[in-house]
Protein backbone atom coordinates (compact mmCIF):
# COMPACT_ATOMS: atom_id res chain seq x y z
CA MET A 1 105.12 127.73 111.54
CA ALA A 2 103.98 125.89 108.40
CA ALA A 3 106.00 122.98 107.05
CA ARG A 4 108.47 123.73 104.29
CA VAL A 5 107.28 122.99 100.76
CA THR A 6 110.04 121.73 98.50
CA LEU A 7 110.33 120.58 94.91
CA SER A 8 111.56 117.15 93.85
CA THR A 9 113.96 117.27 90.94
CA ALA A 10 111.84 114.43 89.51
CA SER A 11 109.04 116.96 88.99
CA VAL A 12 110.82 118.59 86.05
CA TYR A 13 111.76 115.34 84.24
CA PRO A 14 112.84 115.02 81.44
CA GLU A 15 114.55 118.33 82.19
CA GLY A 16 117.65 117.92 84.33
CA CYS A 17 118.57 118.74 87.87
CA ALA A 18 119.74 122.28 87.07
CA SER A 19 116.28 123.11 85.75
CA ALA A 20 114.71 121.99 89.03
CA PHE A 21 116.75 124.50 91.06
CA ALA A 22 115.90 127.32 88.65
CA THR A 23 112.22 126.38 88.72
CA ALA A 24 112.10 126.13 92.51
CA ALA A 25 113.66 129.59 92.84
CA ARG A 26 111.42 131.14 90.20
CA LEU A 27 108.21 129.80 91.76
CA GLY A 28 109.15 130.39 95.40
CA TYR A 29 109.66 126.87 96.77
CA ASP A 30 111.45 126.55 100.11
CA GLY A 31 113.98 124.00 98.89
CA VAL A 32 114.73 121.01 96.69
CA GLU A 33 114.70 117.25 97.09
CA VAL A 34 117.39 115.72 94.88
CA MET A 35 116.35 112.47 93.23
CA VAL A 36 119.63 110.63 92.65
CA TRP A 37 119.34 109.68 89.00
CA THR A 38 121.30 108.98 85.84
CA ASP A 39 121.83 112.76 85.56
CA PRO A 40 125.45 113.11 86.82
CA LEU A 41 124.63 116.40 88.57
CA THR A 42 122.38 114.57 91.02
CA ARG A 43 125.37 112.61 92.33
CA GLU A 44 127.90 115.43 92.73
CA ALA A 45 127.78 117.35 96.02
CA GLY A 46 129.95 120.18 94.72
CA ALA A 47 127.80 120.78 91.65
CA LEU A 48 124.60 120.59 93.68
CA GLN A 49 125.95 123.05 96.22
CA ARG A 50 126.86 125.48 93.44
CA LEU A 51 123.34 125.22 92.05
CA SER A 52 121.92 125.75 95.52
CA ASP A 53 124.08 128.82 96.09
CA LEU A 54 123.36 130.23 92.62
CA HIS A 55 119.60 130.06 93.04
CA GLY A 56 119.37 130.56 96.81
CA VAL A 57 117.49 127.28 97.22
CA PRO A 58 118.73 124.73 99.79
CA VAL A 59 118.83 120.98 99.30
CA LEU A 60 116.65 119.70 102.15
CA SER A 61 116.41 116.01 101.26
CA VAL A 62 117.92 113.35 99.01
CA HIS A 63 116.07 110.45 97.40
CA ALA A 64 118.32 107.40 97.22
CA PRO A 65 118.55 105.54 93.86
CA THR A 66 116.42 102.64 95.07
CA LEU A 67 113.93 102.71 92.20
CA LEU A 68 113.73 100.00 89.56
CA VAL A 69 114.99 102.44 86.92
CA THR A 70 118.05 103.46 88.97
CA GLN A 71 119.33 99.98 89.78
CA ARG A 72 122.66 100.68 88.03
CA VAL A 73 123.27 104.06 89.64
CA TRP A 74 126.14 103.80 92.15
CA GLY A 75 126.60 100.10 91.46
CA ALA A 76 124.61 97.02 92.37
CA ASP A 77 125.12 96.91 96.16
CA PRO A 78 121.94 98.38 97.74
CA TRP A 79 123.68 99.40 100.97
CA GLU A 80 126.32 101.22 98.96
CA LYS A 81 123.52 103.24 97.36
CA VAL A 82 122.07 104.08 100.77
CA ASP A 83 125.45 104.97 102.29
CA ARG A 84 126.41 107.20 99.38
CA SER A 85 123.01 108.92 99.58
CA VAL A 86 123.55 109.55 103.29
CA GLY A 87 127.01 110.91 102.54
CA LEU A 88 125.60 113.21 99.86
CA ALA A 89 122.91 114.46 102.23
CA ARG A 90 125.47 115.20 104.93
CA GLU A 91 127.70 117.13 102.53
CA LEU A 92 124.73 119.26 101.47
CA GLY A 93 123.27 119.72 104.95
CA ALA A 94 120.09 117.84 104.04
CA GLY A 95 118.32 116.21 106.98
CA THR A 96 116.46 113.38 105.24
CA VAL A 97 117.21 110.53 102.85
CA VAL A 98 114.18 108.87 101.27
CA LEU A 99 114.46 105.22 100.30
CA HIS A 100 112.18 102.49 99.05
CA PRO A 101 111.87 99.07 100.71
CA PRO A 102 113.89 96.25 99.10
CA PHE A 103 112.62 94.40 96.06
CA ARG A 104 111.64 90.82 96.76
CA TRP A 105 114.62 89.49 94.80
CA GLN A 106 117.00 91.42 97.12
CA ARG A 107 116.51 88.85 99.87
CA GLU A 108 119.77 89.37 101.74
CA TYR A 109 119.30 93.13 101.72
CA ALA A 110 115.71 92.69 102.89
CA ARG A 111 116.65 90.41 105.79
CA GLY A 112 118.76 93.11 107.41
CA PHE A 113 116.90 96.13 106.08
CA ALA A 114 115.16 97.45 109.20
CA ASP A 115 118.26 96.91 111.35
CA GLY A 116 120.50 98.47 108.72
CA VAL A 117 118.30 101.55 108.51
CA ALA A 118 118.25 101.91 112.31
CA LEU A 119 122.03 101.48 112.54
CA ARG A 120 122.70 104.20 109.98
CA GLU A 121 120.32 106.58 111.71
CA ASP A 122 122.08 105.92 115.00
CA GLU A 123 125.49 106.62 113.47
CA THR A 124 124.55 109.82 111.60
CA ASP A 125 122.32 112.87 111.99
CA VAL A 126 120.33 111.96 108.87
CA ARG A 127 116.79 110.54 108.96
CA LEU A 128 116.21 107.55 106.67
CA ALA A 129 112.52 107.83 105.81
CA VAL A 130 111.21 104.63 104.20
CA GLU A 131 108.52 105.29 101.60
CA ASN A 132 105.19 103.52 101.20
CA MET A 133 104.91 101.64 97.92
CA TYR A 134 102.15 99.48 96.39
CA PRO A 135 101.55 95.97 95.05
CA TRP A 136 102.39 95.45 91.41
CA ARG A 137 99.55 94.25 89.23
CA ALA A 138 100.07 91.74 86.44
CA GLY A 139 97.39 91.41 83.80
CA ALA A 140 93.99 91.98 85.36
CA ARG A 141 93.86 94.59 88.11
CA THR A 142 92.90 91.98 90.70
CA ARG A 143 96.07 89.91 90.23
CA GLU A 144 98.61 91.42 92.61
CA VAL A 145 102.32 90.70 92.85
CA GLU A 146 104.16 91.41 96.10
CA ALA A 147 107.26 93.13 94.75
CA TYR A 148 108.69 94.41 98.03
CA LEU A 149 110.13 92.92 101.21
CA PRO A 150 109.33 92.97 104.05
CA HIS A 151 106.26 94.76 102.59
CA TRP A 152 105.21 97.76 100.54
CA ASP A 153 103.29 99.18 103.54
CA PRO A 154 105.66 100.75 106.12
CA VAL A 155 102.99 101.27 108.80
CA PRO A 156 103.47 97.93 110.63
CA GLN A 157 107.24 97.94 110.11
CA PRO A 158 109.68 99.12 112.82
CA TYR A 159 110.94 102.18 110.95
CA ASP A 160 111.43 105.31 113.04
CA HIS A 161 110.87 107.59 110.04
CA VAL A 162 108.47 107.17 107.13
CA THR A 163 107.75 109.01 103.89
CA LEU A 164 104.09 109.02 102.86
CA ASP A 165 103.53 109.29 99.11
CA LEU A 166 99.97 110.17 98.13
CA SER A 167 100.28 108.89 94.58
CA HIS A 168 101.37 105.53 95.98
CA THR A 169 98.40 105.40 98.38
CA ALA A 170 96.14 105.82 95.34
CA THR A 171 97.79 102.97 93.45
CA ALA A 172 97.77 100.72 96.53
CA GLY A 173 94.19 101.55 97.49
CA SER A 174 95.42 102.63 100.93
CA ASP A 175 93.56 104.99 103.26
CA ALA A 176 95.94 107.94 103.43
CA LEU A 177 94.29 109.63 106.40
CA GLU A 178 94.30 106.39 108.38
CA MET A 179 98.00 106.01 107.61
CA VAL A 180 98.65 109.53 108.91
CA ASP A 181 96.90 108.65 112.17
CA ARG A 182 98.61 105.29 112.59
CA LEU A 183 102.07 106.58 111.78
CA GLY A 184 101.82 109.48 114.21
CA PRO A 185 105.23 111.10 114.79
CA ARG A 186 106.97 108.48 112.63
CA LEU A 187 105.58 110.31 109.60
CA THR A 188 108.38 112.79 108.97
CA HIS A 189 108.27 113.35 105.20
CA LEU A 190 105.46 113.74 102.65
CA HIS A 191 105.50 113.32 98.87
CA LEU A 192 102.62 115.46 97.69
CA ALA A 193 100.94 114.17 94.55
CA ASP A 194 97.58 112.71 93.61
CA GLY A 195 96.22 109.65 91.87
CA SER A 196 92.98 108.31 90.47
CA GLY A 197 93.39 104.77 91.78
CA ALA A 198 94.66 103.47 88.44
CA PRO A 199 96.91 100.38 88.57
CA ARG A 200 99.94 102.48 87.59
CA ASP A 201 101.63 105.20 89.63
CA GLU A 202 100.42 108.56 88.28
CA HIS A 203 101.85 111.44 90.36
CA LEU A 204 99.14 113.90 89.41
CA VAL A 205 99.04 117.51 90.55
CA PRO A 206 97.29 117.54 93.97
CA GLY A 207 93.56 118.10 93.60
CA ARG A 208 93.34 116.37 90.21
CA GLY A 209 92.85 112.84 91.52
CA GLY A 210 90.93 111.07 94.22
CA GLN A 211 93.30 111.28 97.18
CA PRO A 212 92.47 113.44 100.23
CA CYS A 213 95.51 115.62 99.64
CA GLY A 214 94.04 118.72 101.25
CA ALA A 215 92.74 116.81 104.26
CA VAL A 216 96.13 115.14 104.77
CA LEU A 217 97.92 118.50 104.72
CA GLU A 218 95.38 120.00 107.11
CA ALA A 219 95.75 117.04 109.47
CA LEU A 220 99.52 117.44 109.45
CA ALA A 221 99.24 121.17 110.09
CA THR A 222 96.97 120.48 113.05
CA LYS A 223 99.50 118.00 114.43
CA GLY A 224 102.33 120.53 114.12
CA PHE A 225 104.11 118.57 111.40
CA ALA A 226 107.76 119.63 111.33
CA GLY A 227 108.87 117.63 108.29
CA ASP A 228 109.00 118.62 104.64
CA VAL A 229 106.21 118.49 102.08
CA VAL A 230 107.79 117.59 98.74
CA VAL A 231 105.92 118.21 95.50
CA GLU A 232 106.64 115.13 93.39
CA VAL A 233 104.41 115.27 90.32
CA SER A 234 104.78 114.23 86.71
CA THR A 235 105.13 117.06 84.19
CA ARG A 236 106.91 115.07 81.50
CA ARG A 237 104.27 115.85 78.87
CA SER A 238 104.25 119.60 79.53
CA ASP A 239 106.20 122.39 77.90
CA GLU A 240 108.03 124.90 80.12
CA GLU A 241 105.00 127.15 80.54
CA GLY A 242 102.69 124.25 81.35
CA ARG A 243 105.23 122.82 83.80
CA ASP A 244 105.50 126.13 85.62
CA LEU A 245 101.72 126.40 85.85
CA ASP A 246 101.39 122.87 87.26
CA LEU A 247 104.16 123.34 89.80
CA ALA A 248 102.88 126.77 90.85
CA GLU A 249 99.42 125.23 91.33
CA ALA A 250 100.86 122.42 93.45
CA LEU A 251 102.80 124.89 95.60
CA ALA A 252 99.73 127.09 96.12
CA PHE A 253 97.65 124.01 97.00
CA ALA A 254 100.19 122.92 99.62
CA ARG A 255 100.51 126.32 101.25
CA LEU A 256 96.77 126.85 101.32
CA HIS A 257 96.06 123.58 103.13
CA LEU A 258 99.06 123.86 105.46
CA ASP A 259 97.76 127.20 106.74
CA PRO A 260 95.01 126.53 109.32
CA VAL A 261 93.76 130.11 109.03
CA ALA A 262 93.52 130.12 105.24
CA SER A 263 91.87 126.67 105.06
């Protein structure tokens, strides 16, 4: 059985969360990943469940508000953000919460991060899948700033569950296929996007950049990947028709390469 292909609510930005559910249903996605955001709907389990029921599209994962731009969502305490994300996931029946590693200025949070993640996984039935990030670049491309602790690369860290983001591998200059091999069964969640290797995170439609998106999906299919493949691409400059075309293309790309017979 092929992995489920779901749509991140971030993929319809600047449209809101409600638009993501309607789009996922219209295009035939298997579910939605809710990016907890400034949009109040992304933080209300009851409203999200009503959207899910209305469109017949389940919420399969939640992305915690651990981005730089969501620092004020659910207060300033990073563990409060994680705990509320886990609570939201449990209310919606979602099996995974995606979170970023701590920023370097969150030193206390970082010191207990791996243990805190493991403790919460032990106490709940929700996977906390830590996402790969990338070094920030100041000025010239060669000047890197380590913005994350303990590191932006989750491979050598003791996390039981990891999210691999293929736009982030492009920005970091990481070898995505090598990461798939080294992570093995710890890789439980995939953010499907592409990138050209530019110093900024691009989240291109898969197949439009330089990442081995198809090869990664085929490798996961061969390994019997049981996690979710989440389309997380930028469509902010598209109108509704263009957005639908991009997201339909991304869905078709994912399903093609997840099917060993078709590929």
